[in-house]
Amino acid sequence: MLEFRYDTQLLIDGTDLDEDVIRDHFLACFEGDSLLAVGGPETIKIHFHTNEPWKVLEYCSMLGEIYDIVVEDMDRQSRGLQG
């Protein structure tokens, strides 16, 4: 059984985005692992494993426009089902 079920990925378009600030917020406020927050001041790519992807989406939507959103259920995938 996986500790964190949902592989959550998305892009954020905004202004003055800071990957370090975003990464620090994730580590302080969300439970999960496999965090990647990379990019520049206008676009950040997020990858995060969590049990509460809606919290990630809510936070990221406050930073800018979010798109290319993918939330995959890794538990279902591990059982050979569509994620």
Protein backbone atom coordinates (compact mmCIF):
# COMPACT_ATOMS: atom_id res chain seq x y z
CA MET A 1 0.00 0.00 0.00
CA LEU A 2 1.24 3.46 -0.91
CA GLU A 3 1.62 6.12 1.74
CA PHE A 4 0.67 8.88 -0.74
CA ARG A 5 -1.86 7.81 -3.33
CA TYR A 6 -2.13 10.60 -5.91
CA ASP A 7 0.57 11.66 -8.35
CA THR A 8 -0.29 15.33 -8.89
CA GLN A 9 1.30 17.28 -11.73
CA LEU A 10 0.59 20.70 -13.19
CA LEU A 11 2.03 23.87 -14.63
CA ILE A 12 1.56 27.35 -13.15
CA ASP A 13 1.78 30.49 -15.30
CA GLY A 14 2.15 33.69 -13.32
CA THR A 15 4.44 36.57 -12.52
CA ASP A 16 7.32 36.69 -10.07
CA LEU A 17 6.94 32.98 -9.23
CA ASP A 18 9.67 31.68 -6.92
CA GLU A 19 10.29 27.94 -6.94
CA ASP A 20 12.01 28.10 -3.53
CA VAL A 21 9.04 29.85 -1.90
CA ILE A 22 6.62 27.38 -3.50
CA ARG A 23 8.75 24.40 -2.45
CA ASP A 24 8.97 25.72 1.13
CA HIS A 25 5.18 26.18 1.26
CA PHE A 26 4.61 22.60 0.09
CA LEU A 27 7.01 21.22 2.70
CA ALA A 28 5.43 23.26 5.49
CA CYS A 29 1.76 22.86 4.59
CA PHE A 30 1.18 19.60 2.69
CA GLU A 31 1.81 15.96 3.48
CA GLY A 32 3.44 14.10 0.61
CA ASP A 33 6.67 13.17 -1.11
CA SER A 34 8.52 13.25 -4.44
CA LEU A 35 8.20 17.04 -4.67
CA LEU A 36 9.51 18.84 -7.71
CA ALA A 37 8.93 22.57 -8.12
CA VAL A 38 11.04 23.79 -11.00
CA GLY A 39 10.95 26.63 -13.46
CA GLY A 40 11.32 30.36 -13.60
CA PRO A 41 9.49 33.53 -12.64
CA GLU A 42 6.73 33.01 -15.22
CA THR A 43 6.21 29.22 -15.29
CA ILE A 44 6.64 26.55 -12.61
CA LYS A 45 6.21 22.79 -13.04
CA ILE A 46 4.86 20.94 -9.99
CA HIS A 47 5.10 17.21 -9.34
CA PHE A 48 3.96 15.91 -5.94
CA HIS A 49 2.63 12.69 -4.40
CA THR A 50 -0.13 13.38 -1.87
CA ASN A 51 -3.43 12.09 -0.51
CA GLU A 52 -5.05 15.51 -0.90
CA PRO A 53 -4.46 16.77 -4.44
CA TRP A 54 -7.30 19.30 -4.15
CA LYS A 55 -5.24 21.25 -1.59
CA VAL A 56 -2.33 21.41 -4.05
CA LEU A 57 -4.62 22.64 -6.82
CA GLU A 58 -6.22 25.25 -4.55
CA TYR A 59 -2.85 26.67 -3.46
CA CYS A 60 -1.37 26.67 -6.96
CA SER A 61 -4.45 28.37 -8.42
CA MET A 62 -3.78 31.30 -6.06
CA LEU A 63 -0.32 31.74 -7.61
CA GLY A 64 -1.45 32.02 -11.22
CA GLU A 65 -3.18 30.15 -14.00
CA ILE A 66 -2.89 26.38 -13.63
CA TYR A 67 -3.04 24.00 -16.59
CA ASP A 68 -1.86 20.62 -17.89
CA ILE A 69 -3.27 19.20 -14.66
CA VAL A 70 -2.82 15.48 -14.12
CA VAL A 71 -3.94 13.62 -11.00
CA GLU A 72 -3.29 9.89 -11.21
CA ASP A 73 -4.30 7.30 -8.65
CA MET A 74 -1.09 5.32 -8.16
CA ASP A 75 -2.87 2.74 -5.99
CA ARG A 76 -5.16 1.82 -8.89
CA GLN A 77 -2.18 1.74 -11.25
CA SER A 78 -0.30 -0.62 -8.95
CA ARG A 79 -3.30 -2.98 -9.17
CA GLY A 80 -3.19 -2.89 -12.99
CA LEU A 81 -6.20 -0.58 -13.33
CA GLN A 82 -6.54 2.76 -15.13
CA GLY A 83 -5.12 5.48 -12.85
